[in-house]
Amino acid sequence: MMRRLALALGIAVALVGCKHQQPTIYQWESYQPQVYQYFKGESPEAQIAVLEKDLQKINAKGMIPPPGYHAHLGLLYSVTGKPEQMAAEFEAEKLLFPESAAYMDFLLKNTKKAVQ
């Protein structure tokens, strides 16, 4: 009886130990907390610094940021009056996620109208 219990326990431990964790598709770093900080009214400059630092980490690991990362960074650049950097981030979002192209183009077009 004890032998069967020990064998069952051993098999259970082995199966749990063999569980393979699926790697994530995207490297999030602190993107989600920064979006939350934006809505709480934290300084855009502080958020840009954190997101830029995290982007360097993501690129160093050979990973890609999640959808919306570059768009949010572009939004922060637009709030701080840096339209060239905003446009570069929107273009990066389009390259990584082609399905966002229509929306990024819409934002770029409206930003150019507002500047003129």
Protein backbone atom coordinates (compact mmCIF):
# COMPACT_ATOMS: atom_id res chain seq x y z
CA MET A 1 0.00 0.00 0.00
CA MET A 2 2.77 2.43 0.95
CA ARG A 3 4.67 1.43 -2.11
CA ARG A 4 1.74 2.31 -4.40
CA LEU A 5 1.25 5.62 -2.62
CA ALA A 6 4.95 6.46 -2.97
CA LEU A 7 4.87 5.47 -6.64
CA ALA A 8 1.76 7.59 -7.30
CA LEU A 9 3.29 10.53 -5.47
CA GLY A 10 6.53 10.15 -7.44
CA ILE A 11 4.65 10.10 -10.74
CA ALA A 12 2.61 13.15 -9.74
CA VAL A 13 5.76 15.06 -8.79
CA ALA A 14 7.44 14.08 -12.05
CA LEU A 15 4.46 15.20 -14.12
CA VAL A 16 4.25 18.54 -12.33
CA GLY A 17 7.98 19.03 -12.74
CA CYS A 18 7.74 18.38 -16.47
CA LYS A 19 5.13 21.05 -17.05
CA HIS A 20 6.43 23.24 -19.83
CA GLN A 21 5.69 26.92 -19.49
CA GLN A 22 4.73 28.54 -22.77
CA PRO A 23 7.01 31.49 -23.54
CA THR A 24 5.26 34.81 -23.98
CA ILE A 25 4.95 36.30 -27.42
CA TYR A 26 5.69 39.83 -26.27
CA GLN A 27 7.97 41.36 -23.69
CA TRP A 28 5.79 43.63 -21.56
CA GLU A 29 8.24 45.06 -18.99
CA SER A 30 6.35 47.92 -17.27
CA TYR A 31 4.06 48.85 -20.16
CA GLN A 32 0.78 48.09 -18.39
CA PRO A 33 1.63 50.03 -15.20
CA GLN A 34 2.72 52.98 -17.34
CA VAL A 35 -0.63 53.06 -19.15
CA TYR A 36 -2.27 53.11 -15.73
CA GLN A 37 0.04 55.94 -14.64
CA TYR A 38 -0.97 57.91 -17.72
CA PHE A 39 -4.62 57.76 -16.71
CA LYS A 40 -3.69 58.74 -13.16
CA GLY A 41 -1.98 61.87 -14.53
CA GLU A 42 1.68 61.03 -13.94
CA SER A 43 4.28 63.14 -15.74
CA PRO A 44 4.53 62.15 -19.42
CA GLU A 45 8.29 62.78 -19.32
CA ALA A 46 8.69 60.26 -16.49
CA GLN A 47 6.63 57.71 -18.40
CA ILE A 48 8.67 58.26 -21.57
CA ALA A 49 11.88 57.65 -19.63
CA VAL A 50 10.56 54.36 -18.22
CA LEU A 51 9.16 53.15 -21.54
CA GLU A 52 12.32 54.05 -23.45
CA LYS A 53 14.46 52.21 -20.89
CA ASP A 54 12.16 49.19 -21.08
CA LEU A 55 12.26 49.29 -24.89
CA GLN A 56 16.04 49.03 -24.75
CA LYS A 57 15.70 45.95 -22.50
CA ILE A 58 13.13 44.40 -24.84
CA ASN A 59 15.33 44.98 -27.89
CA ALA A 60 18.41 43.65 -26.06
CA LYS A 61 16.54 40.39 -25.38
CA GLY A 62 15.58 40.10 -29.04
CA MET A 63 11.90 40.30 -28.14
CA ILE A 64 9.19 42.61 -29.41
CA PRO A 65 7.01 44.97 -27.40
CA PRO A 66 3.28 44.27 -27.15
CA PRO A 67 0.69 45.86 -29.44
CA GLY A 68 0.12 49.48 -28.46
CA TYR A 69 3.54 50.01 -26.87
CA HIS A 70 4.88 52.27 -29.61
CA ALA A 71 1.47 53.92 -30.04
CA HIS A 72 1.36 54.81 -26.35
CA LEU A 73 4.91 56.11 -26.48
CA GLY A 74 3.90 58.19 -29.51
CA LEU A 75 0.95 59.57 -27.58
CA LEU A 76 3.29 60.60 -24.76
CA TYR A 77 5.59 62.30 -27.26
CA SER A 78 2.65 64.20 -28.75
CA VAL A 79 1.60 65.41 -25.28
CA THR A 80 5.13 66.69 -24.67
CA GLY A 81 5.26 68.54 -28.00
CA LYS A 82 7.60 66.23 -29.90
CA PRO A 83 5.79 65.51 -33.18
CA GLU A 84 8.79 63.97 -34.96
CA GLN A 85 9.27 61.37 -32.24
CA MET A 86 5.51 60.80 -32.10
CA ALA A 87 5.46 60.08 -35.84
CA ALA A 88 8.45 57.72 -35.53
CA GLU A 89 6.68 55.73 -32.80
CA PHE A 90 3.44 55.54 -34.80
CA GLU A 91 5.44 54.29 -37.80
CA ALA A 92 7.14 51.68 -35.58
CA GLU A 93 3.71 50.52 -34.39
CA LYS A 94 2.60 50.14 -38.02
CA LEU A 95 5.68 48.10 -38.91
CA LEU A 96 5.29 45.70 -35.98
CA PHE A 97 1.51 45.44 -36.20
CA PRO A 98 0.25 46.11 -39.76
CA GLU A 99 -3.34 45.79 -38.58
CA SER A 100 -2.84 49.11 -36.74
CA ALA A 101 -1.84 50.98 -39.92
CA ALA A 102 -5.25 52.52 -40.61
CA TYR A 103 -5.53 53.91 -37.09
CA MET A 104 -1.92 55.10 -36.96
CA ASP A 105 -2.38 56.83 -40.34
CA PHE A 106 -5.56 58.45 -39.04
CA LEU A 107 -3.71 59.77 -35.98
CA LEU A 108 -0.80 61.01 -38.08
CA LYS A 109 -3.14 62.75 -40.52
CA ASN A 110 -5.08 64.47 -37.74
CA THR A 111 -1.89 65.51 -35.97
CA LYS A 112 -0.57 67.12 -39.16
CA LYS A 113 -3.87 69.02 -39.55
CA ALA A 114 -3.67 70.27 -35.97
CA VAL A 115 -0.09 71.51 -36.46
CA GLN A 116 -0.92 73.44 -39.66
